[in-house]
Amino acid sequence: MTLVQRLNASGSANQPGNDNDHAAGFADAVSLPDEENIADLVRRTERMAILVVLGMGGWLMLVPAIYLV
């Protein structure tokens, strides 16, 4: 038996039991074909992150006022 025959015989023996291909599913789920769409998605994500950070900061500034009251 040659090395090539051995590799073909045990080709699927080294794969895990759950061999789902998650990378292909993620690319299909996002489906952003153009760079403009990707740039728009990044801009919206950045704006949301800024709003979240500012909101958290606002609530943290209210903690001392609540404590004093």
PDB file of N, CA and C in Angstrom:
ATOM      1  N   MET A   1       0.854  -1.172   0.000  1.00  0.00           N
ATOM      2  CA  MET A   1       0.000   0.000   0.000  1.00  0.00           C
ATOM      3  C   MET A   1       0.902   1.238   0.000  1.00  0.00           C
ATOM      4  N   THR A   2       0.645   2.144  -0.934  1.00  0.00           N
ATOM      5  CA  THR A   2       1.457   3.353  -1.021  1.00  0.00           C
ATOM      6  C   THR A   2       0.878   4.433  -0.115  1.00  0.00           C
ATOM      7  N   LEU A   3       1.616   5.515   0.009  1.00  0.00           N
ATOM      8  CA  LEU A   3       1.186   6.612   0.866  1.00  0.00           C
ATOM      9  C   LEU A   3      -0.103   7.243   0.341  1.00  0.00           C
ATOM     10  N   VAL A   4      -0.235   7.374  -0.966  1.00  0.00           N
ATOM     11  CA  VAL A   4      -1.437   7.975  -1.546  1.00  0.00           C
ATOM     12  C   VAL A   4      -2.654   7.096  -1.267  1.00  0.00           C
ATOM     13  N   GLN A   5      -2.510   5.801  -1.379  1.00  0.00           N
ATOM     14  CA  GLN A   5      -3.625   4.903  -1.094  1.00  0.00           C
ATOM     15  C   GLN A   5      -4.017   4.972   0.375  1.00  0.00           C
ATOM     16  N   ARG A   6      -3.037   5.090   1.258  1.00  0.00           N
ATOM     17  CA  ARG A   6      -3.334   5.204   2.685  1.00  0.00           C
ATOM     18  C   ARG A   6      -4.087   6.493   2.987  1.00  0.00           C
ATOM     19  N   LEU A   7      -3.676   7.598   2.347  1.00  0.00           N
ATOM     20  CA  LEU A   7      -4.354   8.863   2.571  1.00  0.00           C
ATOM     21  C   LEU A   7      -5.789   8.814   2.063  1.00  0.00           C
ATOM     22  N   ASN A   8      -6.014   8.180   0.933  1.00  0.00           N
ATOM     23  CA  ASN A   8      -7.370   8.083   0.401  1.00  0.00           C
ATOM     24  C   ASN A   8      -8.237   7.180   1.263  1.00  0.00           C
ATOM     25  N   ALA A   9      -7.674   6.140   1.793  1.00  0.00           N
ATOM     26  CA  ALA A   9      -8.444   5.201   2.601  1.00  0.00           C
ATOM     27  C   ALA A   9      -8.871   5.821   3.921  1.00  0.00           C
ATOM     28  N   SER A  10      -8.027   6.658   4.503  1.00  0.00           N
ATOM     29  CA  SER A  10      -8.354   7.264   5.795  1.00  0.00           C
ATOM     30  C   SER A  10      -8.568   8.767   5.651  1.00  0.00           C
ATOM     31  N   GLY A  11      -9.112   9.205   4.537  1.00  0.00           N
ATOM     32  CA  GLY A  11      -9.294  10.641   4.295  1.00  0.00           C
ATOM     33  C   GLY A  11     -10.247  11.295   5.267  1.00  0.00           C
ATOM     34  N   SER A  12     -11.325  10.626   5.624  1.00  0.00           N
ATOM     35  CA  SER A  12     -12.293  11.237   6.530  1.00  0.00           C
ATOM     36  C   SER A  12     -12.062  10.847   7.986  1.00  0.00           C
ATOM     37  N   ALA A  13     -11.049  10.052   8.256  1.00  0.00           N
ATOM     38  CA  ALA A  13     -10.810   9.614   9.630  1.00  0.00           C
ATOM     39  C   ALA A  13     -10.280  10.750  10.501  1.00  0.00           C
ATOM     40  N   ASN A  14      -9.632  11.743   9.914  1.00  0.00           N
ATOM     41  CA  ASN A  14      -9.057  12.833  10.690  1.00  0.00           C
ATOM     42  C   ASN A  14     -10.013  14.002  10.866  1.00  0.00           C
ATOM     43  N   GLN A  15     -11.198  13.950  10.259  1.00  0.00           N
ATOM     44  CA  GLN A  15     -12.146  15.047  10.393  1.00  0.00           C
ATOM     45  C   GLN A  15     -12.937  14.888  11.686  1.00  0.00           C
ATOM     46  N   PRO A  16     -13.308  16.000  12.307  1.00  0.00           N
ATOM     47  CA  PRO A  16     -14.090  15.899  13.533  1.00  0.00           C
ATOM     48  C   PRO A  16     -15.499  15.405  13.247  1.00  0.00           C
ATOM     49  N   GLY A  17     -16.199  14.983  14.286  1.00  0.00           N
ATOM     50  CA  GLY A  17     -17.558  14.489  14.125  1.00  0.00           C
ATOM     51  C   GLY A  17     -18.500  15.567  13.628  1.00  0.00           C
ATOM     52  N   ASN A  18     -18.305  16.800  14.086  1.00  0.00           N
ATOM     53  CA  ASN A  18     -19.123  17.922  13.639  1.00  0.00           C
ATOM     54  C   ASN A  18     -18.323  18.677  12.589  1.00  0.00           C
ATOM     55  N   ASP A  19     -18.488  18.300  11.343  1.00  0.00           N
ATOM     56  CA  ASP A  19     -17.685  18.914  10.289  1.00  0.00           C
ATOM     57  C   ASP A  19     -18.482  19.938   9.508  1.00  0.00           C
ATOM     58  N   ASN A  20     -19.313  20.700  10.184  1.00  0.00           N
ATOM     59  CA  ASN A  20     -20.057  21.769   9.530  1.00  0.00           C
ATOM     60  C   ASN A  20     -19.098  22.865   9.127  1.00  0.00           C
ATOM     61  N   ASP A  21     -19.324  23.439   7.969  1.00  0.00           N
ATOM     62  CA  ASP A  21     -18.459  24.508   7.472  1.00  0.00           C
ATOM     63  C   ASP A  21     -19.102  25.841   7.840  1.00  0.00           C
ATOM     64  N   HIS A  22     -18.668  26.428   8.963  1.00  0.00           N
ATOM     65  CA  HIS A  22     -19.272  27.664   9.440  1.00  0.00           C
ATOM     66  C   HIS A  22     -18.832  28.860   8.629  1.00  0.00           C
ATOM     67  N   ALA A  23     -17.665  28.834   8.031  1.00  0.00           N
ATOM     68  CA  ALA A  23     -17.172  29.988   7.278  1.00  0.00           C
ATOM     69  C   ALA A  23     -18.047  30.246   6.062  1.00  0.00           C
ATOM     70  N   ALA A  24     -18.468  29.213   5.358  1.00  0.00           N
ATOM     71  CA  ALA A  24     -19.301  29.405   4.174  1.00  0.00           C
ATOM     72  C   ALA A  24     -20.673  29.939   4.570  1.00  0.00           C
ATOM     73  N   GLY A  25     -21.244  29.469   5.659  1.00  0.00           N
ATOM     74  CA  GLY A  25     -22.544  29.937   6.107  1.00  0.00           C
ATOM     75  C   GLY A  25     -22.523  31.393   6.516  1.00  0.00           C
ATOM     76  N   PHE A  26     -21.444  31.840   7.141  1.00  0.00           N
ATOM     77  CA  PHE A  26     -21.329  33.237   7.552  1.00  0.00           C
ATOM     78  C   PHE A  26     -21.251  34.142   6.338  1.00  0.00           C
ATOM     79  N   ALA A  27     -20.508  33.749   5.326  1.00  0.00           N
ATOM     80  CA  ALA A  27     -20.385  34.571   4.123  1.00  0.00           C
ATOM     81  C   ALA A  27     -21.723  34.673   3.400  1.00  0.00           C
ATOM     82  N   ASP A  28     -22.501  33.609   3.400  1.00  0.00           N
ATOM     83  CA  ASP A  28     -23.807  33.650   2.766  1.00  0.00           C
ATOM     84  C   ASP A  28     -24.783  34.494   3.567  1.00  0.00           C
ATOM     85  N   ALA A  29     -24.667  34.463   4.888  1.00  0.00           N
ATOM     86  CA  ALA A  29     -25.599  35.204   5.732  1.00  0.00           C
ATOM     87  C   ALA A  29     -25.388  36.703   5.613  1.00  0.00           C
ATOM     88  N   VAL A  30     -24.141  37.148   5.493  1.00  0.00           N
ATOM     89  CA  VAL A  30     -23.857  38.576   5.419  1.00  0.00           C
ATOM     90  C   VAL A  30     -24.207  39.110   4.035  1.00  0.00           C
ATOM     91  N   SER A  31     -23.738  38.488   2.996  1.00  0.00           N
ATOM     92  CA  SER A  31     -24.010  38.797   1.590  1.00  0.00           C
ATOM     93  C   SER A  31     -23.920  40.285   1.272  1.00  0.00           C
ATOM     94  N   LEU A  32     -22.782  40.862   1.504  1.00  0.00           N
ATOM     95  CA  LEU A  32     -22.532  42.248   1.125  1.00  0.00           C
ATOM     96  C   LEU A  32     -21.611  42.254  -0.099  1.00  0.00           C
ATOM     97  N   PRO A  33     -22.157  42.460  -1.279  1.00  0.00           N
ATOM     98  CA  PRO A  33     -21.347  42.316  -2.483  1.00  0.00           C
ATOM     99  C   PRO A  33     -20.424  43.496  -2.765  1.00  0.00           C
ATOM    100  N   ASP A  34     -20.804  44.674  -2.362  1.00  0.00           N
ATOM    101  CA  ASP A  34     -20.031  45.857  -2.735  1.00  0.00           C
ATOM    102  C   ASP A  34     -19.255  46.410  -1.553  1.00  0.00           C
ATOM    103  N   GLU A  35     -18.174  47.093  -1.879  1.00  0.00           N
ATOM    104  CA  GLU A  35     -17.393  47.734  -0.825  1.00  0.00           C
ATOM    105  C   GLU A  35     -18.175  48.878  -0.192  1.00  0.00           C
ATOM    106  N   GLU A  36     -19.072  49.500  -0.956  1.00  0.00           N
ATOM    107  CA  GLU A  36     -19.891  50.585  -0.409  1.00  0.00           C
ATOM    108  C   GLU A  36     -20.813  50.063   0.686  1.00  0.00           C
ATOM    109  N   ASN A  37     -21.375  48.888   0.464  1.00  0.00           N
ATOM    110  CA  ASN A  37     -22.245  48.311   1.481  1.00  0.00           C
ATOM    111  C   ASN A  37     -21.452  47.964   2.736  1.00  0.00           C
ATOM    112  N   ILE A  38     -20.248  47.476   2.561  1.00  0.00           N
ATOM    113  CA  ILE A  38     -19.399  47.149   3.708  1.00  0.00           C
ATOM    114  C   ILE A  38     -19.027  48.416   4.463  1.00  0.00           C
ATOM    115  N   ALA A  39     -18.680  49.474   3.725  1.00  0.00           N
ATOM    116  CA  ALA A  39     -18.334  50.742   4.373  1.00  0.00           C
ATOM    117  C   ALA A  39     -19.530  51.301   5.125  1.00  0.00           C
ATOM    118  N   ASP A  40     -20.731  51.176   4.558  1.00  0.00           N
ATOM    119  CA  ASP A  40     -21.941  51.641   5.239  1.00  0.00           C
ATOM    120  C   ASP A  40     -22.186  50.859   6.517  1.00  0.00           C
ATOM    121  N   LEU A  41     -21.991  49.548   6.451  1.00  0.00           N
ATOM    122  CA  LEU A  41     -22.160  48.712   7.641  1.00  0.00           C
ATOM    123  C   LEU A  41     -21.167  49.096   8.734  1.00  0.00           C
ATOM    124  N   VAL A  42     -19.928  49.385   8.351  1.00  0.00           N
ATOM    125  CA  VAL A  42     -18.901  49.787   9.327  1.00  0.00           C
ATOM    126  C   VAL A  42     -19.261  51.124   9.950  1.00  0.00           C
ATOM    127  N   ARG A  43     -19.738  52.076   9.129  1.00  0.00           N
ATOM    128  CA  ARG A  43     -20.125  53.386   9.673  1.00  0.00           C
ATOM    129  C   ARG A  43     -21.264  53.262  10.672  1.00  0.00           C
ATOM    130  N   ARG A  44     -22.277  52.453  10.340  1.00  0.00           N
ATOM    131  CA  ARG A  44     -23.397  52.277  11.270  1.00  0.00           C
ATOM    132  C   ARG A  44     -22.944  51.597  12.553  1.00  0.00           C
ATOM    133  N   THR A  45     -22.032  50.656  12.442  1.00  0.00           N
ATOM    134  CA  THR A  45     -21.526  49.972  13.630  1.00  0.00           C
ATOM    135  C   THR A  45     -20.733  50.933  14.508  1.00  0.00           C
ATOM    136  N   GLU A  46     -19.920  51.787  13.890  1.00  0.00           N
ATOM    137  CA  GLU A  46     -19.149  52.765  14.662  1.00  0.00           C
ATOM    138  C   GLU A  46     -20.068  53.740  15.379  1.00  0.00           C
ATOM    139  N   ARG A  47     -21.111  54.202  14.683  1.00  0.00           N
ATOM    140  CA  ARG A  47     -22.044  55.136  15.318  1.00  0.00           C
ATOM    141  C   ARG A  47     -22.750  54.487  16.513  1.00  0.00           C
ATOM    142  N   MET A  48     -23.148  53.241  16.344  1.00  0.00           N
ATOM    143  CA  MET A  48     -23.821  52.536  17.443  1.00  0.00           C
ATOM    144  C   MET A  48     -22.871  52.354  18.626  1.00  0.00           C
ATOM    145  N   ALA A  49     -21.609  52.038  18.337  1.00  0.00           N
ATOM    146  CA  ALA A  49     -20.636  51.857  19.416  1.00  0.00           C
ATOM    147  C   ALA A  49     -20.400  53.172  20.157  1.00  0.00           C
ATOM    148  N   ILE A  50     -20.341  54.273  19.439  1.00  0.00           N
ATOM    149  CA  ILE A  50     -20.157  55.575  20.083  1.00  0.00           C
ATOM    150  C   ILE A  50     -21.345  55.901  20.967  1.00  0.00           C
ATOM    151  N   LEU A  51     -22.553  55.635  20.469  1.00  0.00           N
ATOM    152  CA  LEU A  51     -23.744  55.896  21.280  1.00  0.00           C
ATOM    153  C   LEU A  51     -23.784  55.020  22.528  1.00  0.00           C
ATOM    154  N   VAL A  52     -23.371  53.798  22.422  1.00  0.00           N
ATOM    155  CA  VAL A  52     -23.351  52.902  23.580  1.00  0.00           C
ATOM    156  C   VAL A  52     -22.355  53.392  24.622  1.00  0.00           C
ATOM    157  N   VAL A  53     -21.167  53.804  24.172  1.00  0.00           N
ATOM    158  CA  VAL A  53     -20.150  54.293  25.114  1.00  0.00           C
ATOM    159  C   VAL A  53     -20.619  55.580  25.783  1.00  0.00           C
ATOM    160  N   LEU A  54     -21.217  56.489  25.021  1.00  0.00           N
ATOM    161  CA  LEU A  54     -21.715  57.728  25.626  1.00  0.00           C
ATOM    162  C   LEU A  54     -22.857  57.453  26.600  1.00  0.00           C
ATOM    163  N   GLY A  55     -23.732  56.533  26.263  1.00  0.00           N
ATOM    164  CA  GLY A  55     -24.820  56.178  27.172  1.00  0.00           C
ATOM    165  C   GLY A  55     -24.306  55.578  28.463  1.00  0.00           C
ATOM    166  N   MET A  56     -23.322  54.699  28.356  1.00  0.00           N
ATOM    167  CA  MET A  56     -22.744  54.113  29.567  1.00  0.00           C
ATOM    168  C   MET A  56     -22.069  55.168  30.411  1.00  0.00           C
ATOM    169  N   GLY A  57     -21.379  56.105  29.765  1.00  0.00           N
ATOM    170  CA  GLY A  57     -20.730  57.187  30.511  1.00  0.00           C
ATOM    171  C   GLY A  57     -21.743  58.075  31.206  1.00  0.00           C
ATOM    172  N   GLY A  58     -22.857  58.342  30.540  1.00  0.00           N
ATOM    173  CA  GLY A  58     -23.911  59.162  31.149  1.00  0.00           C
ATOM    174  C   GLY A  58     -24.484  58.510  32.390  1.00  0.00           C
ATOM    175  N   TRP A  59     -24.760  57.214  32.316  1.00  0.00           N
ATOM    176  CA  TRP A  59     -25.271  56.513  33.490  1.00  0.00           C
ATOM    177  C   TRP A  59     -24.238  56.478  34.605  1.00  0.00           C
ATOM    178  N   LEU A  60     -22.972  56.341  34.269  1.00  0.00           N
ATOM    179  CA  LEU A  60     -21.940  56.325  35.309  1.00  0.00           C
ATOM    180  C   LEU A  60     -21.796  57.688  35.978  1.00  0.00           C
ATOM    181  N   MET A  61     -22.080  58.768  35.235  1.00  0.00           N
ATOM    182  CA  MET A  61     -22.014  60.092  35.856  1.00  0.00           C
ATOM    183  C   MET A  61     -23.194  60.311  36.797  1.00  0.00           C
ATOM    184  N   LEU A  62     -24.299  59.600  36.574  1.00  0.00           N
ATOM    185  CA  LEU A  62     -25.463  59.751  37.452  1.00  0.00           C
ATOM    186  C   LEU A  62     -25.322  58.970  38.753  1.00  0.00           C
ATOM    187  N   VAL A  63     -24.414  58.014  38.809  1.00  0.00           N
ATOM    188  CA  VAL A  63     -24.259  57.201  40.019  1.00  0.00           C
ATOM    189  C   VAL A  63     -23.901  58.043  41.239  1.00  0.00           C
ATOM    190  N   PRO A  64     -22.932  58.986  41.170  1.00  0.00           N
ATOM    191  CA  PRO A  64     -22.657  59.816  42.370  1.00  0.00           C
ATOM    192  C   PRO A  64     -23.837  60.679  42.793  1.00  0.00           C
ATOM    193  N   ALA A  65     -24.596  61.162  41.810  1.00  0.00           N
ATOM    194  CA  ALA A  65     -25.770  62.012  42.165  1.00  0.00           C
ATOM    195  C   ALA A  65     -26.814  61.161  42.867  1.00  0.00           C
ATOM    196  N   ILE A  66     -27.025  59.944  42.435  1.00  0.00           N
ATOM    197  CA  ILE A  66     -27.984  59.059  43.101  1.00  0.00           C
ATOM    198  C   ILE A  66     -27.489  58.716  44.505  1.00  0.00           C
ATOM    199  N   TYR A  67     -26.175  58.505  44.625  1.00  0.00           N
ATOM    200  CA  TYR A  67     -25.598  58.173  45.933  1.00  0.00           C
ATOM    201  C   TYR A  67     -25.760  59.334  46.919  1.00  0.00           C
ATOM    202  N   LEU A  68     -25.551  60.571  46.440  1.00  0.00           N
ATOM    203  CA  LEU A  68     -25.679  61.731  47.318  1.00  0.00           C
ATOM    204  C   LEU A  68     -27.118  61.976  47.743  1.00  0.00           C
ATOM    205  N   VAL A  69     -28.043  61.666  46.901  1.00  0.00           N
ATOM    206  CA  VAL A  69     -29.461  61.900  47.228  1.00  0.00           C
ATOM    207  C   VAL A  69     -29.881  60.890  48.238  1.00  0.00           C
TER     208      VAL A  69
END
